[in-house]
PDB file of N, CA and C in Angstrom:
ATOM      1  N   UNK A   1       0.819  -1.200   0.000  1.00  0.00           N
ATOM      2  CA  UNK A   1       0.000   0.000   0.000  1.00  0.00           C
ATOM      3  C   UNK A   1       0.868   1.272   0.000  1.00  0.00           C
ATOM      4  N   UNK A   2       2.063   1.168   0.573  1.00  0.00           N
ATOM      5  CA  UNK A   2       2.932   2.343   0.665  1.00  0.00           C
ATOM      6  C   UNK A   2       3.372   2.823  -0.719  1.00  0.00           C
ATOM      7  N   UNK A   3       3.667   1.899  -1.622  1.00  0.00           N
ATOM      8  CA  UNK A   3       4.082   2.285  -2.974  1.00  0.00           C
ATOM      9  C   UNK A   3       2.958   3.028  -3.676  1.00  0.00           C
ATOM     10  N   UNK A   4       1.740   2.561  -3.508  1.00  0.00           N
ATOM     11  CA  UNK A   4       0.576   3.218  -4.119  1.00  0.00           C
ATOM     12  C   UNK A   4       0.420   4.637  -3.589  1.00  0.00           C
ATOM     13  N   UNK A   5       0.598   4.794  -2.296  1.00  0.00           N
ATOM     14  CA  UNK A   5       0.473   6.126  -1.694  1.00  0.00           C
ATOM     15  C   UNK A   5       1.587   7.042  -2.193  1.00  0.00           C
ATOM     16  N   UNK A   6       2.827   6.549  -2.250  1.00  0.00           N
ATOM     17  CA  UNK A   6       3.937   7.373  -2.741  1.00  0.00           C
ATOM     18  C   UNK A   6       3.745   7.790  -4.194  1.00  0.00           C
ATOM     19  N   UNK A   7       3.271   6.879  -5.025  1.00  0.00           N
ATOM     20  CA  UNK A   7       3.025   7.215  -6.427  1.00  0.00           C
ATOM     21  C   UNK A   7       1.898   8.238  -6.543  1.00  0.00           C
ATOM     22  N   UNK A   8       0.849   8.068  -5.747  1.00  0.00           N
ATOM     23  CA  UNK A   8      -0.266   9.025  -5.783  1.00  0.00           C
ATOM     24  C   UNK A   8       0.181  10.416  -5.329  1.00  0.00           C
ATOM     25  N   UNK A   9       0.998  10.466  -4.289  1.00  0.00           N
ATOM     26  CA  UNK A   9       1.501  11.758  -3.812  1.00  0.00           C
ATOM     27  C   UNK A   9       2.407  12.391  -4.860  1.00  0.00           C
ATOM     28  N   UNK A  10       3.257  11.587  -5.494  1.00  0.00           N
ATOM     29  CA  UNK A  10       4.150  12.121  -6.526  1.00  0.00           C
ATOM     30  C   UNK A  10       3.353  12.651  -7.717  1.00  0.00           C
ATOM     31  N   UNK A  11       2.308  11.947  -8.106  1.00  0.00           N
ATOM     32  CA  UNK A  11       1.456  12.438  -9.197  1.00  0.00           C
ATOM     33  C   UNK A  11       0.736  13.725  -8.794  1.00  0.00           C
ATOM     34  N   UNK A  12       0.307  13.802  -7.548  1.00  0.00           N
ATOM     35  CA  UNK A  12      -0.311  15.039  -7.064  1.00  0.00           C
ATOM     36  C   UNK A  12       0.662  16.203  -7.097  1.00  0.00           C
ATOM     37  N   UNK A  13       1.902  15.961  -6.680  1.00  0.00           N
ATOM     38  CA  UNK A  13       2.922  17.015  -6.745  1.00  0.00           C
ATOM     39  C   UNK A  13       3.226  17.420  -8.182  1.00  0.00           C
ATOM     40  N   UNK A  14       3.203  16.463  -9.079  1.00  0.00           N
ATOM     41  CA  UNK A  14       3.416  16.762 -10.494  1.00  0.00           C
ATOM     42  C   UNK A  14       2.299  17.659 -11.030  1.00  0.00           C
ATOM     43  N   UNK A  15       1.079  17.386 -10.634  1.00  0.00           N
ATOM     44  CA  UNK A  15      -0.050  18.228 -11.058  1.00  0.00           C
ATOM     45  C   UNK A  15       0.090  19.641 -10.492  1.00  0.00           C
ATOM     46  N   UNK A  16       0.478  19.742  -9.217  1.00  0.00           N
ATOM     47  CA  UNK A  16       0.661  21.063  -8.603  1.00  0.00           C
ATOM     48  C   UNK A  16       1.797  21.820  -9.276  1.00  0.00           C
ATOM     49  N   UNK A  17       2.922  21.159  -9.540  1.00  0.00           N
ATOM     50  CA  UNK A  17       4.051  21.808 -10.213  1.00  0.00           C
ATOM     51  C   UNK A  17       3.667  22.269 -11.625  1.00  0.00           C
ATOM     52  N   UNK A  18       2.903  21.452 -12.337  1.00  0.00           N
ATOM     53  CA  UNK A  18       2.463  21.833 -13.679  1.00  0.00           C
ATOM     54  C   UNK A  18       1.512  23.023 -13.623  1.00  0.00           C
ATOM     55  N   UNK A  19       0.643  23.045 -12.623  1.00  0.00           N
ATOM     56  CA  UNK A  19      -0.267  24.182 -12.461  1.00  0.00           C
ATOM     57  C   UNK A  19       0.502  25.464 -12.143  1.00  0.00           C
ATOM     58  N   UNK A  20       1.550  25.350 -11.326  1.00  0.00           N
ATOM     59  CA  UNK A  20       2.364  26.537 -11.029  1.00  0.00           C
ATOM     60  C   UNK A  20       3.090  27.034 -12.269  1.00  0.00           C
ATOM     61  N   UNK A  21       3.572  26.115 -13.096  1.00  0.00           N
ATOM     62  CA  UNK A  21       4.223  26.506 -14.343  1.00  0.00           C
ATOM     63  C   UNK A  21       3.232  27.199 -15.275  1.00  0.00           C
ATOM     64  N   UNK A  22       2.025  26.663 -15.366  1.00  0.00           N
ATOM     65  CA  UNK A  22       0.996  27.283 -16.216  1.00  0.00           C
ATOM     66  C   UNK A  22       0.622  28.662 -15.690  1.00  0.00           C
ATOM     67  N   UNK A  23       0.510  28.802 -14.381  1.00  0.00           N
ATOM     68  CA  UNK A  23       0.188  30.094 -13.790  1.00  0.00           C
ATOM     69  C   UNK A  23       1.306  31.105 -14.025  1.00  0.00           C
ATOM     70  N   UNK A  24       2.552  30.677 -13.876  1.00  0.00           N
ATOM     71  CA  UNK A  24       3.681  31.572 -14.129  1.00  0.00           C
ATOM     72  C   UNK A  24       3.724  32.003 -15.587  1.00  0.00           C
ATOM     73  N   UNK A  25       3.417  31.072 -16.494  1.00  0.00           N
ATOM     74  CA  UNK A  25       3.396  31.417 -17.916  1.00  0.00           C
ATOM     75  C   UNK A  25       2.258  32.387 -18.219  1.00  0.00           C
ATOM     76  N   UNK A  26       1.125  32.212 -17.557  1.00  0.00           N
ATOM     77  CA  UNK A  26      -0.002  33.115 -17.784  1.00  0.00           C
ATOM     78  C   UNK A  26       0.267  34.511 -17.226  1.00  0.00           C
ATOM     79  N   UNK A  27       0.904  34.584 -16.069  1.00  0.00           N
ATOM     80  CA  UNK A  27       1.179  35.881 -15.455  1.00  0.00           C
ATOM     81  C   UNK A  27       2.239  36.656 -16.226  1.00  0.00           C
ATOM     82  N   UNK A  28       3.304  35.980 -16.625  1.00  0.00           N
ATOM     83  CA  UNK A  28       4.393  36.668 -17.319  1.00  0.00           C
ATOM     84  C   UNK A  28       4.149  36.830 -18.810  1.00  0.00           C
ATOM     85  N   UNK A  29       3.154  36.131 -19.325  1.00  0.00           N
ATOM     86  CA  UNK A  29       2.815  36.164 -20.749  1.00  0.00           C
ATOM     87  C   UNK A  29       3.989  35.745 -21.641  1.00  0.00           C
ATOM     88  N   UNK A  30       4.787  34.826 -21.112  1.00  0.00           N
ATOM     89  CA  UNK A  30       5.914  34.282 -21.865  1.00  0.00           C
ATOM     90  C   UNK A  30       5.551  32.869 -22.337  1.00  0.00           C
ATOM     91  N   UNK A  31       6.014  32.455 -23.486  1.00  0.00           N
ATOM     92  CA  UNK A  31       5.688  31.120 -23.997  1.00  0.00           C
ATOM     93  C   UNK A  31       6.587  30.032 -23.398  1.00  0.00           C
ATOM     94  N   UNK A  32       6.617  29.944 -22.080  1.00  0.00           N
ATOM     95  CA  UNK A  32       7.510  29.002 -21.420  1.00  0.00           C
ATOM     96  C   UNK A  32       6.835  27.682 -21.079  1.00  0.00           C
ATOM     97  N   UNK A  33       5.518  27.626 -21.137  1.00  0.00           N
ATOM     98  CA  UNK A  33       4.828  26.408 -20.708  1.00  0.00           C
ATOM     99  C   UNK A  33       5.169  25.229 -21.603  1.00  0.00           C
ATOM    100  N   UNK A  34       5.029  25.386 -22.906  1.00  0.00           N
ATOM    101  CA  UNK A  34       5.291  24.279 -23.834  1.00  0.00           C
ATOM    102  C   UNK A  34       6.764  23.893 -23.806  1.00  0.00           C
ATOM    103  N   UNK A  35       7.632  24.885 -23.699  1.00  0.00           N
ATOM    104  CA  UNK A  35       9.069  24.637 -23.716  1.00  0.00           C
ATOM    105  C   UNK A  35       9.525  23.874 -22.467  1.00  0.00           C
ATOM    106  N   UNK A  36       8.885  24.116 -21.326  1.00  0.00           N
ATOM    107  CA  UNK A  36       9.327  23.524 -20.065  1.00  0.00           C
ATOM    108  C   UNK A  36       8.491  22.347 -19.588  1.00  0.00           C
ATOM    109  N   UNK A  37       7.416  22.020 -20.271  1.00  0.00           N
ATOM    110  CA  UNK A  37       6.560  20.931 -19.816  1.00  0.00           C
ATOM    111  C   UNK A  37       7.296  19.592 -19.844  1.00  0.00           C
ATOM    112  N   UNK A  38       8.278  19.456 -20.734  1.00  0.00           N
ATOM    113  CA  UNK A  38       9.015  18.193 -20.811  1.00  0.00           C
ATOM    114  C   UNK A  38       9.907  17.973 -19.592  1.00  0.00           C
ATOM    115  N   UNK A  39      10.238  19.019 -18.862  1.00  0.00           N
ATOM    116  CA  UNK A  39      11.112  18.909 -17.694  1.00  0.00           C
ATOM    117  C   UNK A  39      10.347  18.702 -16.390  1.00  0.00           C
ATOM    118  N   UNK A  40       9.029  18.725 -16.434  1.00  0.00           N
ATOM    119  CA  UNK A  40       8.249  18.710 -15.202  1.00  0.00           C
ATOM    120  C   UNK A  40       8.413  17.424 -14.399  1.00  0.00           C
ATOM    121  N   UNK A  41       8.494  16.290 -15.034  1.00  0.00           N
ATOM    122  CA  UNK A  41       8.647  15.041 -14.289  1.00  0.00           C
ATOM    123  C   UNK A  41       9.992  15.016 -13.565  1.00  0.00           C
ATOM    124  N   UNK A  42      11.041  15.389 -14.258  1.00  0.00           N
ATOM    125  CA  UNK A  42      12.351  15.439 -13.626  1.00  0.00           C
ATOM    126  C   UNK A  42      12.415  16.473 -12.519  1.00  0.00           C
ATOM    127  N   UNK A  43      11.774  17.631 -12.730  1.00  0.00           N
ATOM    128  CA  UNK A  43      11.758  18.676 -11.717  1.00  0.00           C
ATOM    129  C   UNK A  43      11.035  18.203 -10.466  1.00  0.00           C
ATOM    130  N   UNK A  44       9.910  17.550 -10.661  1.00  0.00           N
ATOM    131  CA  UNK A  44       9.129  17.072  -9.525  1.00  0.00           C
ATOM    132  C   UNK A  44       9.894  16.019  -8.729  1.00  0.00           C
ATOM    133  N   UNK A  45      10.524  15.089  -9.412  1.00  0.00           N
ATOM    134  CA  UNK A  45      11.313  14.061  -8.723  1.00  0.00           C
ATOM    135  C   UNK A  45      12.538  14.665  -8.042  1.00  0.00           C
ATOM    136  N   UNK A  46      13.192  15.618  -8.715  1.00  0.00           N
ATOM    137  CA  UNK A  46      14.384  16.254  -8.165  1.00  0.00           C
ATOM    138  C   UNK A  46      14.066  17.013  -6.883  1.00  0.00           C
ATOM    139  N   UNK A  47      13.005  17.835  -6.911  1.00  0.00           N
ATOM    140  CA  UNK A  47      12.672  18.604  -5.719  1.00  0.00           C
ATOM    141  C   UNK A  47      12.148  17.726  -4.596  1.00  0.00           C
ATOM    142  N   UNK A  48      11.534  16.602  -4.946  1.00  0.00           N
ATOM    143  CA  UNK A  48      10.986  15.728  -3.908  1.00  0.00           C
ATOM    144  C   UNK A  48      12.053  14.899  -3.216  1.00  0.00           C
ATOM    145  N   UNK A  49      12.996  14.373  -3.960  1.00  0.00           N
ATOM    146  CA  UNK A  49      13.911  13.393  -3.385  1.00  0.00           C
ATOM    147  C   UNK A  49      15.348  13.877  -3.258  1.00  0.00           C
ATOM    148  N   UNK A  50      15.861  14.627  -4.194  1.00  0.00           N
ATOM    149  CA  UNK A  50      17.248  15.095  -4.106  1.00  0.00           C
ATOM    150  C   UNK A  50      17.352  16.296  -3.180  1.00  0.00           C
ATOM    151  N   UNK A  51      16.496  17.289  -3.396  1.00  0.00           N
ATOM    152  CA  UNK A  51      16.590  18.509  -2.597  1.00  0.00           C
ATOM    153  C   UNK A  51      16.221  18.281  -1.135  1.00  0.00           C
ATOM    154  N   UNK A  52      15.495  17.237  -0.836  1.00  0.00           N
ATOM    155  CA  UNK A  52      15.167  16.924   0.556  1.00  0.00           C
ATOM    156  C   UNK A  52      16.447  16.648   1.343  1.00  0.00           C
ATOM    157  N   UNK A  53      17.386  15.916   0.757  1.00  0.00           N
ATOM    158  CA  UNK A  53      18.647  15.626   1.435  1.00  0.00           C
ATOM    159  C   UNK A  53      19.556  16.850   1.480  1.00  0.00           C
ATOM    160  N   UNK A  54      19.477  17.699   0.473  1.00  0.00           N
ATOM    161  CA  UNK A  54      20.255  18.939   0.484  1.00  0.00           C
ATOM    162  C   UNK A  54      19.764  19.844   1.611  1.00  0.00           C
ATOM    163  N   UNK A  55      18.450  19.978   1.765  1.00  0.00           N
ATOM    164  CA  UNK A  55      17.899  20.780   2.859  1.00  0.00           C
ATOM    165  C   UNK A  55      18.253  20.183   4.214  1.00  0.00           C
ATOM    166  N   UNK A  56      18.192  18.860   4.326  1.00  0.00           N
ATOM    167  CA  UNK A  56      18.537  18.211   5.582  1.00  0.00           C
ATOM    168  C   UNK A  56      19.988  18.498   5.959  1.00  0.00           C
ATOM    169  N   UNK A  57      20.880  18.440   4.990  1.00  0.00           N
ATOM    170  CA  UNK A  57      22.288  18.749   5.256  1.00  0.00           C
ATOM    171  C   UNK A  57      22.463  20.219   5.650  1.00  0.00           C
ATOM    172  N   UNK A  58      21.743  21.115   5.010  1.00  0.00           N
ATOM    173  CA  UNK A  58      21.840  22.538   5.353  1.00  0.00           C
ATOM    174  C   UNK A  58      21.336  22.787   6.770  1.00  0.00           C
ATOM    175  N   UNK A  59      20.239  22.146   7.162  1.00  0.00           N
ATOM    176  CA  UNK A  59      19.748  22.284   8.539  1.00  0.00           C
ATOM    177  C   UNK A  59      20.765  21.738   9.529  1.00  0.00           C
ATOM    178  N   UNK A  60      21.332  20.586   9.211  1.00  0.00           N
ATOM    179  CA  UNK A  60      22.335  19.990  10.082  1.00  0.00           C
ATOM    180  C   UNK A  60      23.534  20.926  10.249  1.00  0.00           C
ATOM    181  N   UNK A  61      24.013  21.481   9.148  1.00  0.00           N
ATOM    182  CA  UNK A  61      25.147  22.406   9.215  1.00  0.00           C
ATOM    183  C   UNK A  61      24.840  23.624  10.070  1.00  0.00           C
ATOM    184  N   UNK A  62      23.647  24.166   9.917  1.00  0.00           N
ATOM    185  CA  UNK A  62      23.317  25.386  10.648  1.00  0.00           C
ATOM    186  C   UNK A  62      23.070  25.106  12.124  1.00  0.00           C
ATOM    187  N   UNK A  63      22.312  24.089  12.425  1.00  0.00           N
ATOM    188  CA  UNK A  63      21.934  23.839  13.819  1.00  0.00           C
ATOM    189  C   UNK A  63      23.062  23.247  14.642  1.00  0.00           C
ATOM    190  N   UNK A  64      23.872  22.393  14.055  1.00  0.00           N
ATOM    191  CA  UNK A  64      24.903  21.720  14.844  1.00  0.00           C
ATOM    192  C   UNK A  64      26.305  22.239  14.594  1.00  0.00           C
ATOM    193  N   UNK A  65      26.586  22.699  13.401  1.00  0.00           N
ATOM    194  CA  UNK A  65      27.927  23.169  13.081  1.00  0.00           C
ATOM    195  C   UNK A  65      28.025  24.692  12.997  1.00  0.00           C
ATOM    196  N   UNK A  66      26.906  25.373  13.161  1.00  0.00           N
ATOM    197  CA  UNK A  66      26.858  26.838  13.130  1.00  0.00           C
ATOM    198  C   UNK A  66      27.540  27.408  11.894  1.00  0.00           C
ATOM    199  N   UNK A  67      27.069  26.998  10.735  1.00  0.00           N
ATOM    200  CA  UNK A  67      27.697  27.379   9.472  1.00  0.00           C
ATOM    201  C   UNK A  67      27.596  28.876   9.184  1.00  0.00           C
ATOM    202  N   UNK A  68      26.611  29.551   9.742  1.00  0.00           N
ATOM    203  CA  UNK A  68      26.460  30.974   9.422  1.00  0.00           C
ATOM    204  C   UNK A  68      27.539  31.831  10.073  1.00  0.00           C
ATOM    205  N   UNK A  69      28.297  31.271  10.999  1.00  0.00           N
ATOM    206  CA  UNK A  69      29.405  32.033  11.581  1.00  0.00           C
ATOM    207  C   UNK A  69      30.447  32.326  10.511  1.00  0.00           C
ATOM    208  N   UNK A  70      30.675  31.361   9.623  1.00  0.00           N
ATOM    209  CA  UNK A  70      31.672  31.519   8.564  1.00  0.00           C
ATOM    210  C   UNK A  70      31.092  32.128   7.288  1.00  0.00           C
ATOM    211  N   UNK A  71      29.850  32.531   7.326  1.00  0.00           N
ATOM    212  CA  UNK A  71      29.182  33.028   6.133  1.00  0.00           C
ATOM    213  C   UNK A  71      29.545  34.490   5.888  1.00  0.00           C
ATOM    214  N   UNK A  72      30.035  34.799   4.712  1.00  0.00           N
ATOM    215  CA  UNK A  72      30.406  36.172   4.390  1.00  0.00           C
ATOM    216  C   UNK A  72      29.221  37.015   3.944  1.00  0.00           C
ATOM    217  N   UNK A  73      28.042  36.446   3.900  1.00  0.00           N
ATOM    218  CA  UNK A  73      26.867  37.213   3.513  1.00  0.00           C
ATOM    219  C   UNK A  73      26.546  38.275   4.559  1.00  0.00           C
ATOM    220  N   UNK A  74      26.779  37.946   5.828  1.00  0.00           N
ATOM    221  CA  UNK A  74      26.538  38.890   6.909  1.00  0.00           C
ATOM    222  C   UNK A  74      27.761  39.786   7.026  1.00  0.00           C
ATOM    223  N   UNK A  75      27.562  41.110   7.036  1.00  0.00           N
ATOM    224  CA  UNK A  75      28.711  42.023   7.136  1.00  0.00           C
ATOM    225  C   UNK A  75      29.471  41.839   8.451  1.00  0.00           C
ATOM    226  N   UNK A  76      30.737  42.204   8.423  1.00  0.00           N
ATOM    227  CA  UNK A  76      31.607  42.043   9.585  1.00  0.00           C
ATOM    228  C   UNK A  76      31.096  42.844  10.776  1.00  0.00           C
ATOM    229  N   UNK A  77      30.550  44.039  10.543  1.00  0.00           N
ATOM    230  CA  UNK A  77      30.079  44.858  11.670  1.00  0.00           C
ATOM    231  C   UNK A  77      28.886  44.203  12.371  1.00  0.00           C
ATOM    232  N   UNK A  78      28.069  43.494  11.621  1.00  0.00           N
ATOM    233  CA  UNK A  78      26.940  42.785  12.236  1.00  0.00           C
ATOM    234  C   UNK A  78      27.441  41.564  12.998  1.00  0.00           C
ATOM    235  N   UNK A  79      28.416  40.870  12.435  1.00  0.00           N
ATOM    236  CA  UNK A  79      28.975  39.712  13.136  1.00  0.00           C
ATOM    237  C   UNK A  79      29.695  40.126  14.405  1.00  0.00           C
ATOM    238  N   UNK A  80      30.259  41.349  14.432  1.00  0.00           N
ATOM    239  CA  UNK A  80      30.935  41.813  15.636  1.00  0.00           C
ATOM    240  C   UNK A  80      29.932  42.100  16.756  1.00  0.00           C
ATOM    241  N   UNK A  81      28.743  42.546  16.404  1.00  0.00           N
ATOM    242  CA  UNK A  81      27.707  42.837  17.402  1.00  0.00           C
ATOM    243  C   UNK A  81      27.062  41.565  17.902  1.00  0.00           C
ATOM    244  N   UNK A  82      26.768  40.670  16.981  1.00  0.00           N
ATOM    245  CA  UNK A  82      26.071  39.415  17.303  1.00  0.00           C
ATOM    246  C   UNK A  82      27.058  38.435  17.908  1.00  0.00           C
ATOM    247  N   UNK A  83      26.850  38.086  19.168  1.00  0.00           N
ATOM    248  CA  UNK A  83      27.734  37.115  19.841  1.00  0.00           C
ATOM    249  C   UNK A  83      27.174  35.715  19.618  1.00  0.00           C
ATOM    250  N   UNK A  84      27.908  34.898  18.911  1.00  0.00           N
ATOM    251  CA  UNK A  84      27.477  33.537  18.611  1.00  0.00           C
ATOM    252  C   UNK A  84      27.742  32.723  19.826  1.00  0.00           C
TER     253      UNK A  84
END
């Protein structure tokens, strides 16, 4: 039963991703829907399964290794005020 549920959820996500692509194409009035529809299955699988582990690693780095201490995005004057 678990495989059936996973496939149904993946198909639901594919429908939602396709609807978002159609909405973006309608709002921007660019002909991107037909050009990008072939990538939707790969995009849906990529964001569901690959990016989940990337996000998990980023959370792990931030919560346990305090990765933002070494981040140059925050200016030095702000890092000097903020005591880690």
